[in-house]
């Protein structure tokens, strides 16, 4: 059996609307992890590694961050630093903000 993206999304929407798919957030036992939402992947046309779907998700992620902060759930952002001699990084990796720890203007993480 095969499903289209539209069918899968509709099934998920129905499950959440009906309460079939849900989960509780226990503030003392969780955190929101925001992983790799960096210019490299989300800024339109900035690099060949741009992920358009990541750009479209920014408003949703922003609302989720605001909700979590509103109920004191920690929000943690990740950004890759130099690892594996940068062989596992896109060629624009050297321009990523976390590559410039001495320049506060470039090393600042802004949600």
N, C-alpha and C. Protein backbone atom coordinates (compact mmCIF):
# COMPACT_ATOMS: atom_id res chain seq x y z
N UNK A 1 0.84 -1.18 0.00
CA UNK A 1 0.00 0.00 0.00
C UNK A 1 0.89 1.24 0.00
N UNK A 2 0.45 2.27 -0.67
CA UNK A 2 1.22 3.50 -0.81
C UNK A 2 0.35 4.70 -0.41
N UNK A 3 0.95 5.68 0.23
CA UNK A 3 0.23 6.88 0.66
C UNK A 3 0.88 8.12 0.09
N UNK A 4 0.07 9.08 -0.28
CA UNK A 4 0.61 10.36 -0.73
C UNK A 4 0.88 11.23 0.49
N UNK A 5 1.66 12.27 0.31
CA UNK A 5 1.94 13.20 1.40
C UNK A 5 0.63 13.82 1.92
N UNK A 6 -0.26 14.16 1.02
CA UNK A 6 -1.54 14.76 1.41
C UNK A 6 -2.35 13.81 2.28
N UNK A 7 -2.38 12.52 1.91
CA UNK A 7 -3.12 11.53 2.70
C UNK A 7 -2.54 11.38 4.10
N UNK A 8 -1.23 11.32 4.19
CA UNK A 8 -0.58 11.18 5.49
C UNK A 8 -0.86 12.41 6.36
N UNK A 9 -0.76 13.60 5.78
CA UNK A 9 -1.04 14.81 6.54
C UNK A 9 -2.49 14.85 7.01
N UNK A 10 -3.42 14.45 6.18
CA UNK A 10 -4.83 14.43 6.56
C UNK A 10 -5.08 13.43 7.68
N UNK A 11 -4.47 12.26 7.61
CA UNK A 11 -4.61 11.28 8.69
C UNK A 11 -4.08 11.84 10.01
N UNK A 12 -2.95 12.52 9.96
CA UNK A 12 -2.37 13.10 11.17
C UNK A 12 -3.28 14.20 11.73
N UNK A 13 -3.79 15.06 10.86
CA UNK A 13 -4.69 16.14 11.31
C UNK A 13 -5.92 15.56 11.99
N UNK A 14 -6.51 14.54 11.39
CA UNK A 14 -7.70 13.92 11.99
C UNK A 14 -7.38 13.32 13.36
N UNK A 15 -6.23 12.67 13.47
CA UNK A 15 -5.84 12.05 14.74
C UNK A 15 -5.66 13.10 15.83
N UNK A 16 -5.05 14.23 15.51
CA UNK A 16 -4.86 15.29 16.51
C UNK A 16 -6.19 15.95 16.86
N UNK A 17 -7.04 16.20 15.86
CA UNK A 17 -8.35 16.82 16.12
C UNK A 17 -9.21 15.95 17.02
N UNK A 18 -9.16 14.65 16.81
CA UNK A 18 -10.01 13.74 17.59
C UNK A 18 -9.43 13.44 18.97
N UNK A 19 -8.18 13.82 19.20
CA UNK A 19 -7.55 13.53 20.48
C UNK A 19 -6.85 12.18 20.49
N UNK A 20 -6.93 11.47 19.38
CA UNK A 20 -6.28 10.17 19.26
C UNK A 20 -4.76 10.29 19.38
N UNK A 21 -4.22 11.34 18.79
CA UNK A 21 -2.77 11.59 18.85
C UNK A 21 -2.56 12.82 19.71
N UNK A 22 -2.04 12.63 20.89
CA UNK A 22 -1.78 13.76 21.77
C UNK A 22 -0.71 13.35 22.79
N UNK A 23 -0.19 14.32 23.47
CA UNK A 23 0.77 14.04 24.53
C UNK A 23 0.75 15.21 25.50
N UNK A 24 1.10 14.93 26.73
CA UNK A 24 1.15 15.97 27.74
C UNK A 24 2.58 16.43 27.91
N UNK A 25 2.73 17.71 28.20
CA UNK A 25 4.06 18.26 28.46
C UNK A 25 4.20 18.39 29.97
N UNK A 26 5.16 17.68 30.52
CA UNK A 26 5.45 17.77 31.95
C UNK A 26 6.64 18.71 32.11
N UNK A 27 6.36 19.94 32.53
CA UNK A 27 7.39 20.98 32.56
C UNK A 27 8.69 20.57 33.22
N UNK A 28 8.62 19.85 34.30
CA UNK A 28 9.84 19.48 35.01
C UNK A 28 10.62 18.35 34.36
N UNK A 29 10.06 17.76 33.30
CA UNK A 29 10.70 16.60 32.69
C UNK A 29 10.93 16.74 31.20
N UNK A 30 10.90 17.94 30.69
CA UNK A 30 11.09 18.07 29.24
C UNK A 30 11.73 19.41 28.89
N UNK A 31 12.12 19.49 27.64
CA UNK A 31 12.66 20.73 27.07
C UNK A 31 12.35 20.68 25.58
N UNK A 32 12.30 21.84 24.97
CA UNK A 32 12.14 21.93 23.52
C UNK A 32 13.52 22.03 22.91
N UNK A 33 13.85 21.13 21.97
CA UNK A 33 15.12 21.19 21.26
C UNK A 33 14.86 21.73 19.86
N UNK A 34 15.54 22.81 19.53
CA UNK A 34 15.44 23.40 18.19
C UNK A 34 16.77 23.07 17.51
N UNK A 35 16.70 22.17 16.55
CA UNK A 35 17.91 21.60 15.98
C UNK A 35 18.15 22.09 14.55
N UNK A 36 19.32 22.66 14.35
CA UNK A 36 19.79 23.07 13.01
C UNK A 36 18.93 24.10 12.29
N UNK A 37 18.29 24.98 13.00
CA UNK A 37 17.54 26.05 12.34
C UNK A 37 18.52 27.21 12.14
N UNK A 38 19.46 27.00 11.23
CA UNK A 38 20.52 27.95 10.97
C UNK A 38 20.36 28.54 9.57
N UNK A 39 20.93 29.72 9.37
CA UNK A 39 20.86 30.37 8.06
C UNK A 39 21.22 29.41 6.93
N UNK A 40 22.18 28.58 7.17
CA UNK A 40 22.63 27.62 6.16
C UNK A 40 21.47 26.83 5.57
N UNK A 41 20.48 26.52 6.41
CA UNK A 41 19.37 25.67 5.98
C UNK A 41 18.06 26.42 5.82
N UNK A 42 17.89 27.54 6.50
CA UNK A 42 16.57 28.20 6.49
C UNK A 42 16.51 29.53 5.75
N UNK A 43 17.64 30.15 5.51
CA UNK A 43 17.63 31.45 4.83
C UNK A 43 17.53 31.24 3.31
N UNK A 44 16.43 31.70 2.71
CA UNK A 44 16.22 31.45 1.28
C UNK A 44 17.37 31.93 0.40
N UNK A 45 17.78 31.03 -0.47
CA UNK A 45 18.77 31.31 -1.51
C UNK A 45 20.16 31.67 -1.00
N UNK A 46 20.43 31.44 0.29
CA UNK A 46 21.72 31.82 0.86
C UNK A 46 22.81 30.82 0.50
N UNK A 47 22.47 29.54 0.51
CA UNK A 47 23.42 28.48 0.14
C UNK A 47 22.69 27.42 -0.67
N UNK A 48 23.43 26.55 -1.33
CA UNK A 48 22.76 25.45 -2.04
C UNK A 48 22.19 24.41 -1.07
N UNK A 49 22.43 24.57 0.22
CA UNK A 49 21.94 23.63 1.23
C UNK A 49 20.64 24.12 1.88
N UNK A 50 20.08 25.19 1.33
CA UNK A 50 18.81 25.72 1.82
C UNK A 50 17.74 24.64 1.75
N UNK A 51 16.95 24.52 2.82
CA UNK A 51 15.85 23.55 2.87
C UNK A 51 14.55 24.36 2.94
N UNK A 52 13.86 24.55 1.83
CA UNK A 52 12.65 25.37 1.81
C UNK A 52 11.61 24.99 2.87
N UNK A 53 11.46 23.71 3.12
CA UNK A 53 10.48 23.29 4.14
C UNK A 53 10.88 23.80 5.53
N UNK A 54 12.17 23.86 5.81
CA UNK A 54 12.63 24.41 7.09
C UNK A 54 12.23 25.88 7.20
N UNK A 55 12.36 26.62 6.11
CA UNK A 55 11.96 28.03 6.09
C UNK A 55 10.46 28.16 6.37
N UNK A 56 9.67 27.30 5.77
CA UNK A 56 8.22 27.35 5.98
C UNK A 56 7.84 27.01 7.42
N UNK A 57 8.66 26.27 8.12
CA UNK A 57 8.37 25.85 9.50
C UNK A 57 8.71 26.93 10.54
N UNK A 58 9.42 27.96 10.15
CA UNK A 58 9.86 28.98 11.12
C UNK A 58 8.69 29.57 11.92
N UNK A 59 7.58 30.01 11.31
CA UNK A 59 6.49 30.57 12.12
C UNK A 59 5.94 29.57 13.15
N UNK A 60 5.82 28.31 12.77
CA UNK A 60 5.32 27.29 13.69
C UNK A 60 6.30 27.09 14.84
N UNK A 61 7.57 27.00 14.51
CA UNK A 61 8.60 26.82 15.54
C UNK A 61 8.64 28.03 16.46
N UNK A 62 8.52 29.22 15.90
CA UNK A 62 8.50 30.43 16.72
C UNK A 62 7.34 30.39 17.72
N UNK A 63 6.14 30.00 17.26
CA UNK A 63 4.98 29.92 18.17
C UNK A 63 5.22 28.87 19.25
N UNK A 64 5.81 27.74 18.88
CA UNK A 64 6.11 26.70 19.86
C UNK A 64 7.12 27.19 20.90
N UNK A 65 8.13 27.91 20.45
CA UNK A 65 9.11 28.48 21.38
C UNK A 65 8.42 29.43 22.35
N UNK A 66 7.56 30.29 21.84
CA UNK A 66 6.85 31.25 22.70
C UNK A 66 5.97 30.53 23.73
N UNK A 67 5.26 29.49 23.29
CA UNK A 67 4.40 28.72 24.21
C UNK A 67 5.25 28.05 25.29
N UNK A 68 6.35 27.43 24.89
CA UNK A 68 7.21 26.77 25.87
C UNK A 68 7.77 27.76 26.89
N UNK A 69 8.26 28.87 26.41
CA UNK A 69 8.78 29.89 27.32
C UNK A 69 7.69 30.41 28.25
N UNK A 70 6.46 30.50 27.72
CA UNK A 70 5.35 30.98 28.52
C UNK A 70 4.98 30.07 29.68
N UNK A 71 5.33 28.79 29.59
CA UNK A 71 5.04 27.85 30.68
C UNK A 71 6.33 27.31 31.31
N UNK A 72 7.41 28.05 31.13
CA UNK A 72 8.71 27.75 31.75
C UNK A 72 9.32 26.42 31.31
N UNK A 73 9.06 26.01 30.08
CA UNK A 73 9.73 24.84 29.52
C UNK A 73 11.01 25.34 28.86
N UNK A 74 12.17 24.80 29.24
CA UNK A 74 13.43 25.26 28.65
C UNK A 74 13.45 25.05 27.13
N UNK A 75 14.08 26.01 26.44
CA UNK A 75 14.24 25.93 24.99
C UNK A 75 15.74 25.88 24.72
N UNK A 76 16.17 24.84 24.02
CA UNK A 76 17.59 24.63 23.75
C UNK A 76 17.80 24.65 22.24
N UNK A 77 18.75 25.47 21.79
CA UNK A 77 19.08 25.58 20.38
C UNK A 77 20.41 24.86 20.13
N UNK A 78 20.50 24.14 19.03
CA UNK A 78 21.76 23.49 18.69
C UNK A 78 22.35 24.15 17.44
N UNK A 79 23.66 24.13 17.36
CA UNK A 79 24.38 24.56 16.16
C UNK A 79 25.66 23.74 16.14
N UNK A 80 25.98 23.18 15.01
CA UNK A 80 27.19 22.38 14.91
C UNK A 80 28.43 23.25 15.00
N UNK A 81 29.42 22.76 15.71
CA UNK A 81 30.73 23.40 15.75
C UNK A 81 31.66 22.52 14.93
N UNK A 82 32.91 22.91 14.85
CA UNK A 82 33.87 22.13 14.07
C UNK A 82 33.95 20.71 14.61
N UNK A 83 33.77 19.77 13.74
CA UNK A 83 33.88 18.36 14.12
C UNK A 83 34.28 17.57 12.88
N UNK A 84 34.84 16.44 13.07
CA UNK A 84 35.25 15.58 11.97
C UNK A 84 36.06 16.35 10.92
N UNK A 85 36.86 17.28 11.40
CA UNK A 85 37.69 18.12 10.52
C UNK A 85 36.83 18.79 9.45
N UNK A 86 35.57 19.07 9.79
CA UNK A 86 34.61 19.72 8.90
C UNK A 86 34.31 18.92 7.63
N UNK A 87 34.71 17.66 7.57
CA UNK A 87 34.45 16.85 6.38
C UNK A 87 32.98 16.48 6.26
N UNK A 88 32.24 16.57 7.38
CA UNK A 88 30.82 16.24 7.35
C UNK A 88 29.95 17.49 7.26
N UNK A 89 30.53 18.62 6.93
CA UNK A 89 29.81 19.88 6.86
C UNK A 89 29.74 20.38 5.43
N UNK A 90 28.67 21.09 5.09
CA UNK A 90 28.61 21.72 3.77
C UNK A 90 29.74 22.74 3.60
N UNK A 91 30.05 23.06 2.38
CA UNK A 91 31.18 23.97 2.11
C UNK A 91 30.98 25.35 2.71
N UNK A 92 29.74 25.76 2.95
CA UNK A 92 29.51 27.08 3.54
C UNK A 92 29.64 27.05 5.06
N UNK A 93 29.95 25.88 5.64
CA UNK A 93 30.05 25.74 7.08
C UNK A 93 30.99 26.73 7.74
N UNK A 94 32.05 27.10 7.06
CA UNK A 94 33.01 28.05 7.64
C UNK A 94 32.39 29.43 7.88
N UNK A 95 31.28 29.72 7.22
CA UNK A 95 30.61 31.02 7.38
C UNK A 95 29.49 31.00 8.41
N UNK A 96 29.27 29.85 9.04
CA UNK A 96 28.20 29.76 10.03
C UNK A 96 28.56 30.60 11.25
N UNK A 97 27.57 31.24 11.89
CA UNK A 97 27.83 32.16 12.99
C UNK A 97 28.65 31.56 14.13
N UNK A 98 28.46 30.30 14.46
CA UNK A 98 29.19 29.72 15.59
C UNK A 98 30.66 29.47 15.27
N UNK A 99 31.11 29.81 14.08
CA UNK A 99 32.52 29.66 13.72
C UNK A 99 33.34 30.89 14.14
N UNK A 100 32.67 31.90 14.67
CA UNK A 100 33.34 33.16 15.01
C UNK A 100 33.13 33.50 16.48
N UNK A 101 33.66 32.71 17.42
CA UNK A 101 33.39 32.93 18.84
C UNK A 101 33.91 34.26 19.39
N UNK A 102 34.88 34.87 18.74
CA UNK A 102 35.42 36.13 19.27
C UNK A 102 34.71 37.36 18.76
N UNK A 103 33.86 37.19 17.80
CA UNK A 103 33.12 38.31 17.23
C UNK A 103 31.66 38.19 17.68
N UNK A 104 31.26 38.94 18.74
CA UNK A 104 29.91 38.81 19.29
C UNK A 104 28.81 39.03 18.24
N UNK A 105 29.07 39.86 17.26
CA UNK A 105 28.06 40.13 16.23
C UNK A 105 27.78 38.89 15.40
N UNK A 106 28.78 38.04 15.21
CA UNK A 106 28.60 36.86 14.36
C UNK A 106 28.29 35.60 15.15
N UNK A 107 28.61 35.57 16.46
CA UNK A 107 28.42 34.35 17.22
C UNK A 107 27.11 34.34 17.97
N UNK A 108 26.34 35.39 17.88
CA UNK A 108 25.07 35.48 18.60
C UNK A 108 24.02 34.55 17.98
N UNK A 109 23.36 33.77 18.82
CA UNK A 109 22.27 32.91 18.36
C UNK A 109 20.97 33.68 18.60
N UNK A 110 20.23 33.90 17.55
CA UNK A 110 18.99 34.67 17.65
C UNK A 110 17.83 33.79 17.24
N UNK A 111 16.93 33.48 18.19
CA UNK A 111 15.80 32.63 17.83
C UNK A 111 14.79 33.37 16.97
